[in-house]
Amino acid sequence: MTVVQKELQRYASLSGWRKLIVVSTVVLFAASFAISIIGAGGIREPAVKHLGVGLTIAAGVLAAMSAFLRHGPSSRALLHPMIAPVAYLIYSLLVPLAYMAVTGRGIQVMPASIYTSASSSVMCLTVLAYCAGVFLASVVRANRRSLTDPALLVAPERDRRGVFSRDVGRLILILALTAKVQQLIVNGPVFTRVYGADQLDYDLGTTIAVAGATLTTVGCLLVMYSNVRRVGHPLQWPDWALLGAVGFISLFLLGTRSEIIAPVVLFLWFRLQSGKKFSIWIPIAAVAAAGGIFALVAQLRVKSPDAPDYPAIESLLVDTSSPILLTSNVAALVPSSTDFYFGSTYLEALKFMLPGPVARALFGEPTGTGAFAYRDLIDFTFSGQGWGFSLPTEAYLNFGFVGVVVIAGLVGWLFGRAYLWANEPHNVNRLSAYVYPLLLSYLPFGLRSDALGQMKSIIYPLLIILGVLLVERWLLSRNAASVDSGPQWQWRTLLPRRGSLD
């Protein structure tokens, strides 16, 4: 029996609701792709733009329904790859488009002209292809098991393992705090300088700033995972103190937010993984509080006290709307004025995967990555303002609409697969258990970064965690008599086994 026949047989065994979800998702994806092709042909009718947004929002609702049907309406389903990531993608990619469609105006300095059929199609295809990737990760498996309710991390009795990784995690958080203090001493508070200036100057200070954000995430992963395994909850008082200090300096003195988003997302993940439940009002209140804090940080970033007074909703949308602006600008030039890049920015990202100082010593300054390619494309030479980039924009820049579908689909597959790894019942103290919470915590920034930043921000933390786990396993194997009885670990147990996933 071929793979296609097996999948058809599996589809025939689904319930009516699940059949409806599968068919609807396929139809919506095909319709959105057709709209993309029509838009690429030069049609700029409002109906084309609005229909694409509506279809994709409907697909997001179907994705959430699919996840809740598998999990039940529990708080543990909120961080399912078909719910939280899809909700964020819709908020950041489609809600700004919907706002422009309803109001007929742009978002702060971004004009309404960025709402084109091309930008709408790219945003819609990103969401739909991501959902398709997650779906494929859940069904195309040797044993045909779907995404089930995640296994709890907490052990029946207090787990004595993980003390080393917890202590290393706290040490890493201290290093992250040190990096933040050094950055504050060198650069000064955000309200005394122009935020984002001199972003083209890559030096030791830049490396330390980037390392501070990475170390915060790594420290949280190690500390929270170990605490849940040992005591049943993610943070203890030393951890609260360290994260509070890092968060205060980052938010209110440096004006950066990555050092607070990752800890909050990871705390929610590990709290749910420990079996704790919470009311639906808690995440709603958390989102409202985050919106208020981020709006305050945005004001701290503005040096002039006479900054324009924009509607509050635009203040919440502008920080996530860069993919729409960048895609609109790129689509206006590619392929009409400039040919597609055919993967060159991805190859450049691979070349500069080494640490910044080492890579620059070997290859010089990175001039061909996605962010730099965009500056060259629009002839932007002012060094006092930095441009991030965007996952869907870079995919379109290299391969057009097909690239958007492939890249977003691969990202969805990775999220779905990582979710399965994290929820394997026997996947305790394995590197694969850290992948999904890391992906989840990085999504808000990964969506607005180029390939180099995306790969480094995932691979580097995993390499650090792998090193910590290797040392911990080696120490435990040497002191097997003083820990719980059981077979001594080998390095192979750190990695996912084929049998445990397929």
Protein backbone atom coordinates (compact mmCIF):
# COMPACT_ATOMS: atom_id res chain seq x y z
CA MET A 1 0.00 0.00 0.00
CA THR A 2 1.45 3.38 -1.04
CA VAL A 3 1.76 6.40 1.24
CA VAL A 4 -1.08 8.13 -0.62
CA GLN A 5 -3.37 5.12 -0.17
CA LYS A 6 -2.54 4.99 3.54
CA GLU A 7 -3.29 8.68 3.95
CA LEU A 8 -6.61 8.29 2.11
CA GLN A 9 -7.45 5.36 4.35
CA ARG A 10 -6.59 7.44 7.40
CA TYR A 11 -8.77 10.30 6.11
CA ALA A 12 -11.71 7.93 5.63
CA SER A 13 -11.46 6.92 9.30
CA LEU A 14 -11.66 10.52 10.58
CA SER A 15 -14.76 11.91 12.23
CA GLY A 16 -17.03 14.32 10.40
CA TRP A 17 -15.59 17.43 12.08
CA ARG A 18 -12.04 16.43 11.26
CA LYS A 19 -12.92 15.67 7.64
CA LEU A 20 -14.47 19.13 7.40
CA ILE A 21 -11.35 20.73 8.84
CA VAL A 22 -9.04 18.87 6.43
CA VAL A 23 -11.15 19.70 3.37
CA SER A 24 -11.64 23.32 4.42
CA THR A 25 -7.95 23.85 5.02
CA VAL A 26 -7.04 22.42 1.60
CA VAL A 27 -9.69 24.53 -0.14
CA LEU A 28 -8.66 27.70 1.69
CA PHE A 29 -4.99 27.09 0.91
CA ALA A 30 -5.72 26.50 -2.77
CA ALA A 31 -7.95 29.57 -2.95
CA SER A 32 -5.35 31.79 -1.29
CA PHE A 33 -2.61 30.51 -3.60
CA ALA A 34 -4.83 31.22 -6.60
CA ILE A 35 -5.40 34.74 -5.29
CA SER A 36 -1.62 35.13 -5.02
CA ILE A 37 -1.15 34.20 -8.65
CA ILE A 38 -3.93 36.59 -9.70
CA GLY A 39 -2.34 39.36 -7.64
CA ALA A 40 1.02 38.67 -9.25
CA GLY A 41 -0.62 39.25 -12.63
CA GLY A 42 -1.18 42.90 -11.80
CA ILE A 43 -4.74 42.90 -10.49
CA ARG A 44 -5.09 45.31 -7.59
CA GLU A 45 -8.80 44.99 -6.93
CA PRO A 46 -9.79 45.49 -3.26
CA ALA A 47 -11.83 42.28 -3.38
CA VAL A 48 -8.69 40.26 -4.10
CA LYS A 49 -6.87 41.73 -1.11
CA HIS A 50 -9.77 41.44 1.31
CA LEU A 51 -10.71 37.91 0.24
CA GLY A 52 -7.20 36.68 0.95
CA VAL A 53 -7.27 38.10 4.47
CA GLY A 54 -10.73 36.69 5.16
CA LEU A 55 -9.83 33.23 3.89
CA THR A 56 -6.72 33.05 6.03
CA ILE A 57 -8.43 34.22 9.21
CA ALA A 58 -11.01 31.49 8.56
CA ALA A 59 -8.17 28.99 8.19
CA GLY A 60 -6.75 30.14 11.52
CA VAL A 61 -10.10 29.52 13.20
CA LEU A 62 -10.23 26.05 11.67
CA ALA A 63 -6.69 25.35 12.88
CA ALA A 64 -7.63 26.30 16.43
CA MET A 65 -10.75 24.13 16.22
CA SER A 66 -8.62 21.21 15.08
CA ALA A 67 -6.26 21.60 18.04
CA PHE A 68 -9.06 21.96 20.56
CA LEU A 69 -10.81 18.89 19.14
CA ARG A 70 -7.67 16.88 19.82
CA HIS A 71 -6.95 18.34 23.24
CA GLY A 72 -10.31 19.38 24.57
CA PRO A 73 -10.97 22.92 25.80
CA SER A 74 -8.16 22.96 28.36
CA SER A 75 -5.59 25.61 29.17
CA ARG A 76 -2.84 23.15 28.17
CA ALA A 77 -3.98 23.42 24.57
CA LEU A 78 -3.25 27.16 24.42
CA LEU A 79 0.42 26.65 23.47
CA HIS A 80 -0.36 24.01 20.85
CA PRO A 81 1.40 24.86 17.53
CA MET A 82 -2.02 25.29 15.89
CA ILE A 83 -3.20 27.82 18.49
CA ALA A 84 -0.68 30.23 20.05
CA PRO A 85 1.68 30.50 17.03
CA VAL A 86 -1.23 30.78 14.58
CA ALA A 87 -2.86 33.43 16.77
CA TYR A 88 0.36 35.45 16.79
CA LEU A 89 0.83 35.06 13.03
CA ILE A 90 -2.71 36.29 12.40
CA TYR A 91 -2.22 39.19 14.81
CA SER A 92 1.09 40.32 13.34
CA LEU A 93 0.50 39.57 9.66
CA LEU A 94 -3.24 39.88 9.06
CA VAL A 95 -4.74 42.14 11.73
CA PRO A 96 -2.75 45.15 10.42
CA LEU A 97 -4.09 44.41 6.94
CA ALA A 98 -7.61 44.14 8.31
CA TYR A 99 -7.15 47.46 10.14
CA MET A 100 -6.08 49.17 6.91
CA ALA A 101 -8.95 47.56 5.02
CA VAL A 102 -11.54 48.80 7.53
CA THR A 103 -10.13 52.27 8.20
CA GLY A 104 -8.61 53.03 4.81
CA ARG A 105 -5.54 54.50 6.51
CA GLY A 106 -2.02 53.36 7.20
CA ILE A 107 -0.39 52.54 10.52
CA GLN A 108 1.56 55.50 11.87
CA VAL A 109 4.36 56.24 9.39
CA MET A 110 3.48 53.24 7.20
CA PRO A 111 1.08 54.32 4.43
CA ALA A 112 -2.02 52.41 3.42
CA SER A 113 -0.35 51.79 0.05
CA ILE A 114 1.59 48.91 1.62
CA TYR A 115 -1.69 46.99 1.53
CA THR A 116 -1.34 45.48 -1.94
CA SER A 117 -2.52 42.19 -3.35
CA ALA A 118 1.09 40.96 -3.28
CA SER A 119 1.68 41.80 0.41
CA SER A 120 -1.75 40.41 1.33
CA SER A 121 -1.05 37.20 -0.58
CA VAL A 122 2.37 36.70 1.03
CA MET A 123 0.95 37.20 4.53
CA CYS A 124 -1.95 34.83 3.87
CA LEU A 125 0.23 32.15 2.32
CA THR A 126 2.57 32.34 5.31
CA VAL A 127 -0.21 31.52 7.75
CA LEU A 128 -1.77 28.82 5.59
CA ALA A 129 1.52 27.11 4.72
CA TYR A 130 2.52 27.13 8.39
CA CYS A 131 -0.75 25.40 9.31
CA ALA A 132 -0.23 22.86 6.52
CA GLY A 133 3.29 22.15 7.82
CA VAL A 134 2.04 21.53 11.36
CA PHE A 135 -0.69 19.26 10.01
CA LEU A 136 1.82 17.22 7.99
CA ALA A 137 4.09 16.86 11.02
CA SER A 138 1.20 15.41 13.00
CA VAL A 139 -0.12 12.88 10.48
CA VAL A 140 2.77 11.78 8.25
CA ARG A 141 4.32 9.43 10.81
CA ALA A 142 5.11 5.75 10.72
CA ASN A 143 2.66 4.88 13.50
CA ARG A 144 0.11 7.53 12.42
CA ARG A 145 -0.34 9.04 15.87
CA SER A 146 -1.69 12.59 15.98
CA LEU A 147 -0.73 15.43 18.29
CA THR A 148 -2.07 14.19 21.60
CA ASP A 149 -2.29 15.83 24.99
CA PRO A 150 1.28 16.50 26.18
CA ALA A 151 2.87 14.31 28.80
CA LEU A 152 3.52 16.04 32.11
CA LEU A 153 7.11 16.81 32.94
CA VAL A 154 6.81 16.54 36.70
CA ALA A 155 8.03 13.22 38.11
CA PRO A 156 5.93 11.09 40.55
CA GLU A 157 8.49 11.87 43.21
CA ARG A 158 10.98 14.69 43.42
CA ASP A 159 13.62 14.12 40.79
CA ARG A 160 17.15 14.50 42.13
CA ARG A 161 18.55 14.89 38.66
CA GLY A 162 18.85 18.35 37.14
CA VAL A 163 20.59 20.12 40.04
CA PHE A 164 23.64 20.73 37.88
CA SER A 165 21.67 22.10 34.92
CA ARG A 166 19.65 24.32 37.28
CA ASP A 167 22.79 25.77 38.84
CA VAL A 168 24.40 26.29 35.44
CA GLY A 169 21.18 27.96 34.30
CA ARG A 170 21.37 30.39 37.21
CA LEU A 171 25.01 31.11 36.42
CA ILE A 172 24.02 31.83 32.82
CA LEU A 173 21.32 34.23 34.05
CA ILE A 174 23.98 36.02 36.11
CA LEU A 175 26.10 36.34 32.97
CA ALA A 176 23.07 37.70 31.09
CA LEU A 177 22.53 40.27 33.84
CA THR A 178 26.21 41.22 33.65
CA ALA A 179 25.89 41.71 29.89
CA LYS A 180 22.87 43.98 30.40
CA VAL A 181 24.71 46.07 33.00
CA GLN A 182 27.74 46.39 30.70
CA GLN A 183 25.46 47.46 27.84
CA LEU A 184 23.83 50.08 30.09
CA ILE A 185 27.20 51.48 31.23
CA VAL A 186 28.55 51.73 27.67
CA ASN A 187 25.45 52.97 25.83
CA GLY A 188 23.51 54.73 28.57
CA PRO A 189 19.73 54.61 29.14
CA VAL A 190 17.47 54.52 26.10
CA PHE A 191 15.89 57.90 26.85
CA THR A 192 19.30 59.62 26.54
CA ARG A 193 20.07 58.40 23.04
CA VAL A 194 18.44 57.60 19.72
CA TYR A 195 17.25 54.00 19.82
CA GLY A 196 18.48 51.92 16.89
CA ALA A 197 21.27 54.27 15.87
CA ASP A 198 24.51 52.85 14.46
CA GLN A 199 23.02 49.41 13.95
CA LEU A 200 25.52 48.79 11.16
CA ASP A 201 28.43 49.01 13.60
CA TYR A 202 29.25 45.44 14.62
CA ASP A 203 31.76 45.37 17.45
CA LEU A 204 32.35 43.67 20.77
CA GLY A 205 29.52 45.66 22.34
CA THR A 206 27.10 44.34 19.72
CA THR A 207 28.21 40.79 20.42
CA ILE A 208 27.72 41.26 24.16
CA ALA A 209 24.23 42.72 23.63
CA VAL A 210 23.18 39.80 21.43
CA ALA A 211 24.76 37.32 23.85
CA GLY A 212 22.75 38.84 26.72
CA ALA A 213 19.45 38.03 25.04
CA THR A 214 20.60 34.52 24.10
CA LEU A 215 21.89 33.76 27.59
CA THR A 216 18.62 34.93 29.14
CA THR A 217 16.69 32.41 27.05
CA VAL A 218 19.17 29.58 27.69
CA GLY A 219 19.21 30.24 31.42
CA CYS A 220 15.41 30.23 31.58
CA LEU A 221 15.19 26.96 29.66
CA LEU A 222 17.66 25.17 31.94
CA VAL A 223 16.31 26.59 35.20
CA MET A 224 12.61 26.10 34.42
CA TYR A 225 12.96 22.61 33.00
CA SER A 226 15.02 21.48 35.97
CA ASN A 227 12.73 23.11 38.54
CA VAL A 228 9.63 21.51 37.07
CA ARG A 229 11.30 18.11 37.11
CA ARG A 230 12.55 18.53 40.66
CA VAL A 231 10.00 20.62 42.57
CA GLY A 232 6.98 20.86 40.29
CA HIS A 233 7.02 24.58 39.40
CA PRO A 234 9.21 26.63 37.02
CA LEU A 235 10.83 29.30 39.24
CA GLN A 236 12.16 29.64 42.76
CA TRP A 237 13.00 32.89 44.54
CA PRO A 238 16.62 33.21 43.25
CA ASP A 239 15.30 32.80 39.72
CA TRP A 240 12.60 35.43 40.22
CA ALA A 241 15.23 37.87 41.50
CA LEU A 242 17.58 37.31 38.57
CA LEU A 243 14.87 37.53 35.92
CA GLY A 244 13.36 40.59 37.59
CA ALA A 245 16.69 42.41 37.42
CA VAL A 246 17.29 41.41 33.79
CA GLY A 247 13.76 42.40 32.83
CA PHE A 248 13.86 45.79 34.56
CA ILE A 249 17.17 46.82 32.99
CA SER A 250 16.14 45.54 29.56
CA LEU A 251 12.67 47.07 29.47
CA PHE A 252 12.94 50.39 31.26
CA LEU A 253 16.61 51.31 30.87
CA LEU A 254 17.73 49.72 27.58
CA GLY A 255 14.36 49.70 25.80
CA THR A 256 14.64 46.09 24.60
CA ARG A 257 11.91 43.49 24.97
CA SER A 258 13.33 40.14 23.90
CA GLU A 259 14.71 39.55 27.40
CA ILE A 260 11.18 39.63 28.85
CA ILE A 261 9.09 37.96 26.12
CA ALA A 262 11.06 34.71 26.16
CA PRO A 263 10.91 34.26 29.98
CA VAL A 264 7.15 34.90 30.04
CA VAL A 265 6.43 32.44 27.21
CA LEU A 266 8.73 29.81 28.74
CA PHE A 267 7.13 30.27 32.16
CA LEU A 268 3.68 29.62 30.70
CA TRP A 269 4.93 26.56 28.81
CA PHE A 270 6.66 24.92 31.77
CA ARG A 271 3.86 25.81 34.18
CA LEU A 272 1.38 24.05 31.91
CA GLN A 273 3.79 21.17 31.45
CA SER A 274 3.94 20.76 35.23
CA GLY A 275 0.20 20.09 35.32
CA LYS A 276 -0.83 23.49 36.69
CA LYS A 277 -3.96 25.04 35.22
CA PHE A 278 -5.12 28.63 35.14
CA SER A 279 -8.18 30.60 34.21
CA ILE A 280 -8.53 31.93 30.67
CA TRP A 281 -8.50 35.43 32.19
CA ILE A 282 -4.86 35.06 33.22
CA PRO A 283 -3.43 35.00 29.66
CA ILE A 284 -5.87 37.78 28.69
CA ALA A 285 -4.63 39.92 31.58
CA ALA A 286 -1.03 39.04 30.72
CA VAL A 287 -1.52 40.14 27.10
CA ALA A 288 -3.12 43.40 28.24
CA ALA A 289 -0.28 44.06 30.69
CA ALA A 290 2.31 43.25 28.02
CA GLY A 291 0.62 45.67 25.61
CA GLY A 292 0.76 48.45 28.19
CA ILE A 293 4.39 47.79 29.07
CA PHE A 294 5.45 47.58 25.43
CA ALA A 295 3.64 50.86 24.69
CA LEU A 296 5.60 52.46 27.54
CA VAL A 297 8.86 51.06 26.17
CA ALA A 298 7.97 52.44 22.75
CA GLN A 299 7.60 55.89 24.31
CA LEU A 300 10.97 55.54 26.02
CA ARG A 301 12.50 54.82 22.62
CA VAL A 302 11.22 58.12 21.24
CA LYS A 303 13.72 60.84 22.06
CA SER A 304 11.53 63.79 21.10
CA PRO A 305 8.82 64.74 23.63
CA ASP A 306 6.73 66.17 20.76
CA ALA A 307 6.23 62.86 19.00
CA PRO A 308 2.95 62.54 17.01
CA ASP A 309 -0.06 61.28 18.92
CA TYR A 310 -1.26 58.11 17.22
CA PRO A 311 -4.26 55.93 18.14
CA ALA A 312 -3.47 53.33 20.80
CA ILE A 313 -4.27 50.45 18.47
CA GLU A 314 -1.66 51.67 15.99
CA SER A 315 0.93 51.72 18.76
CA LEU A 316 0.20 48.03 19.30
CA LEU A 317 0.23 47.17 15.59
CA VAL A 318 3.22 49.13 14.36
CA ASP A 319 5.87 47.01 16.07
CA THR A 320 4.64 43.84 14.38
CA SER A 321 3.76 45.34 10.99
CA SER A 322 7.27 45.45 9.54
CA PRO A 323 6.82 42.22 7.50
CA ILE A 324 3.95 43.88 5.61
CA LEU A 325 5.95 47.03 4.89
CA LEU A 326 9.06 45.13 3.83
CA THR A 327 7.10 42.69 1.66
CA SER A 328 5.24 45.51 -0.06
CA ASN A 329 8.52 47.28 -0.85
CA VAL A 330 10.18 44.10 -2.09
CA ALA A 331 7.19 43.02 -4.17
CA ALA A 332 7.17 46.42 -5.89
CA LEU A 333 10.74 45.81 -7.13
CA VAL A 334 10.99 42.02 -7.47
CA PRO A 335 10.77 40.64 -10.11
CA SER A 336 9.69 43.73 -12.10
CA SER A 337 12.93 45.70 -11.60
CA THR A 338 15.25 43.13 -10.00
CA ASP A 339 15.36 39.39 -10.42
CA PHE A 340 14.78 37.00 -7.53
CA TYR A 341 17.82 36.25 -5.38
CA PHE A 342 17.43 32.46 -5.73
CA GLY A 343 18.69 31.57 -2.26
CA SER A 344 21.75 33.83 -2.07
CA THR A 345 20.74 35.38 1.27
CA TYR A 346 20.29 31.92 2.77
CA LEU A 347 23.74 30.86 1.57
CA GLU A 348 25.23 34.03 3.03
CA ALA A 349 23.54 33.26 6.34
CA LEU A 350 25.13 29.80 6.38
CA LYS A 351 28.54 31.35 5.71
CA PHE A 352 28.25 33.63 8.75
CA MET A 353 26.95 31.04 11.20
CA LEU A 354 30.19 31.22 13.20
CA PRO A 355 30.27 33.70 16.13
CA GLY A 356 30.31 37.30 14.90
CA PRO A 357 33.94 38.20 15.65
CA VAL A 358 35.20 34.93 14.12
CA ALA A 359 32.99 35.18 11.03
CA ARG A 360 33.99 38.79 10.39
CA ALA A 361 37.68 37.93 10.77
CA LEU A 362 37.32 35.15 8.18
CA PHE A 363 34.85 36.61 5.70
CA GLY A 364 34.70 40.35 6.40
CA GLU A 365 31.48 42.23 7.05
CA PRO A 366 28.20 40.45 6.21
CA THR A 367 26.86 42.33 3.19
CA GLY A 368 24.67 39.72 1.52
CA THR A 369 22.34 38.60 4.31
CA GLY A 370 18.63 39.37 4.12
CA ALA A 371 18.72 42.63 6.09
CA PHE A 372 21.65 44.02 4.06
CA ALA A 373 20.16 42.82 0.78
CA TYR A 374 17.01 44.79 1.59
CA ARG A 375 18.99 47.98 2.29
CA ASP A 376 20.74 47.63 -1.06
CA LEU A 377 17.48 46.85 -2.83
CA ILE A 378 15.82 50.08 -1.69
CA ASP A 379 19.08 52.13 -1.80
CA PHE A 380 18.95 52.87 1.93
CA THR A 381 22.37 54.01 3.15
CA PHE A 382 21.60 55.90 6.37
CA SER A 383 23.50 54.13 9.17
CA GLY A 384 21.54 55.84 11.94
CA GLN A 385 18.55 53.57 11.41
CA GLY A 386 18.53 49.81 11.30
CA TRP A 387 16.28 47.51 9.34
CA GLY A 388 15.39 44.12 10.62
CA PHE A 389 13.95 41.74 8.10
CA SER A 390 11.11 39.28 7.81
CA LEU A 391 10.77 35.55 7.32
CA PRO A 392 8.02 35.79 4.63
CA THR A 393 9.76 38.74 2.92
CA GLU A 394 13.06 36.88 2.61
CA ALA A 395 11.28 33.83 1.25
CA TYR A 396 9.57 35.96 -1.41
CA LEU A 397 12.79 37.85 -2.18
CA ASN A 398 14.54 34.58 -3.01
CA PHE A 399 11.88 32.41 -4.64
CA GLY A 400 8.61 34.33 -4.94
CA PHE A 401 5.29 32.89 -3.82
CA VAL A 402 6.60 29.34 -4.09
CA GLY A 403 9.37 30.22 -1.65
CA VAL A 404 6.83 31.63 0.82
CA VAL A 405 4.88 28.38 0.75
CA VAL A 406 7.99 26.19 1.12
CA ILE A 407 9.68 28.20 3.91
CA ALA A 408 6.51 28.75 5.94
CA GLY A 409 5.58 25.10 5.47
CA LEU A 410 9.00 23.99 6.73
CA VAL A 411 8.66 26.27 9.75
CA GLY A 412 5.24 24.78 10.49
CA TRP A 413 6.60 21.26 10.13
CA LEU A 414 9.44 22.10 12.53
CA PHE A 415 6.99 23.51 15.10
CA GLY A 416 4.76 20.45 14.80
CA ARG A 417 7.62 18.01 14.98
CA ALA A 418 9.24 19.81 17.92
CA TYR A 419 5.91 19.71 19.75
CA LEU A 420 5.86 15.95 19.33
CA TRP A 421 9.42 15.68 20.63
CA ALA A 422 8.60 17.77 23.68
CA ASN A 423 5.59 15.61 24.51
CA GLU A 424 7.08 12.16 24.14
CA PRO A 425 6.40 10.40 27.49
CA HIS A 426 9.97 9.06 27.67
CA ASN A 427 11.60 12.19 26.33
CA VAL A 428 13.04 13.24 29.71
CA ASN A 429 16.31 15.17 29.89
CA ARG A 430 16.80 15.02 26.12
CA LEU A 431 17.87 17.94 23.99
CA SER A 432 14.77 17.51 21.83
CA ALA A 433 12.56 18.42 24.80
CA TYR A 434 13.91 21.99 24.67
CA VAL A 435 13.30 22.67 20.98
CA TYR A 436 9.59 23.52 21.00
CA PRO A 437 9.61 25.94 23.95
CA LEU A 438 12.64 27.64 22.39
CA LEU A 439 10.85 27.99 19.04
CA LEU A 440 7.73 29.25 20.76
CA SER A 441 9.60 31.90 22.76
CA TYR A 442 11.52 33.13 19.72
CA LEU A 443 8.58 33.38 17.28
CA PRO A 444 7.83 37.11 17.80
CA PHE A 445 11.42 38.04 16.91
CA GLY A 446 12.15 35.22 14.48
CA LEU A 447 9.25 36.37 12.31
CA ARG A 448 10.93 39.78 11.98
CA SER A 449 14.53 38.61 11.52
CA ASP A 450 16.55 37.44 8.56
CA ALA A 451 17.75 33.86 8.12
CA LEU A 452 21.08 34.51 9.83
CA GLY A 453 19.45 35.80 12.99
CA GLN A 454 16.83 33.05 12.95
CA MET A 455 19.31 30.20 12.66
CA LYS A 456 21.77 31.60 15.19
CA SER A 457 19.03 32.29 17.73
CA ILE A 458 17.91 28.66 17.62
CA ILE A 459 21.13 26.72 17.00
CA TYR A 460 23.34 28.53 19.51
CA PRO A 461 21.03 28.05 22.52
CA LEU A 462 20.61 24.38 21.64
CA LEU A 463 24.38 23.91 21.42
CA ILE A 464 24.85 25.49 24.85
CA ILE A 465 22.12 23.30 26.35
CA LEU A 466 23.60 20.23 24.69
CA GLY A 467 26.95 20.98 26.29
CA VAL A 468 25.35 21.37 29.73
CA LEU A 469 23.44 18.09 29.36
CA LEU A 470 26.55 16.26 28.24
CA VAL A 471 28.50 17.42 31.29
CA GLU A 472 25.58 16.62 33.58
CA ARG A 473 25.23 13.10 32.20
CA TRP A 474 28.96 12.56 32.57
CA LEU A 475 28.90 13.74 36.19
CA LEU A 476 25.92 11.54 37.02
CA SER A 477 27.51 8.52 35.40
CA ARG A 478 30.57 9.02 37.61
CA ASN A 479 28.44 9.35 40.72
CA ALA A 480 25.85 6.72 39.89
CA ALA A 481 25.93 5.39 43.42
CA SER A 482 24.68 8.70 44.85
CA VAL A 483 21.73 9.16 42.51
CA ASP A 484 18.56 7.21 41.88
CA SER A 485 19.11 3.67 40.68
CA GLY A 486 18.95 3.13 36.95
CA PRO A 487 21.15 2.53 33.94
CA GLN A 488 24.00 4.90 33.34
CA TRP A 489 23.34 7.36 30.55
CA GLN A 490 25.26 7.57 27.34
CA TRP A 491 25.61 10.56 25.08
CA ARG A 492 23.19 8.97 22.59
CA THR A 493 20.32 9.42 25.05
CA LEU A 494 20.56 13.18 24.59
CA LEU A 495 19.26 13.01 21.04
CA PRO A 496 15.84 11.91 19.79
CA ARG A 497 15.71 8.27 18.84
CA ARG A 498 14.02 7.23 15.65
CA GLY A 499 11.86 4.76 17.52
CA SER A 500 10.63 7.35 20.00
CA LEU A 501 9.39 9.67 17.26
CA ASP A 502 8.42 7.51 14.33
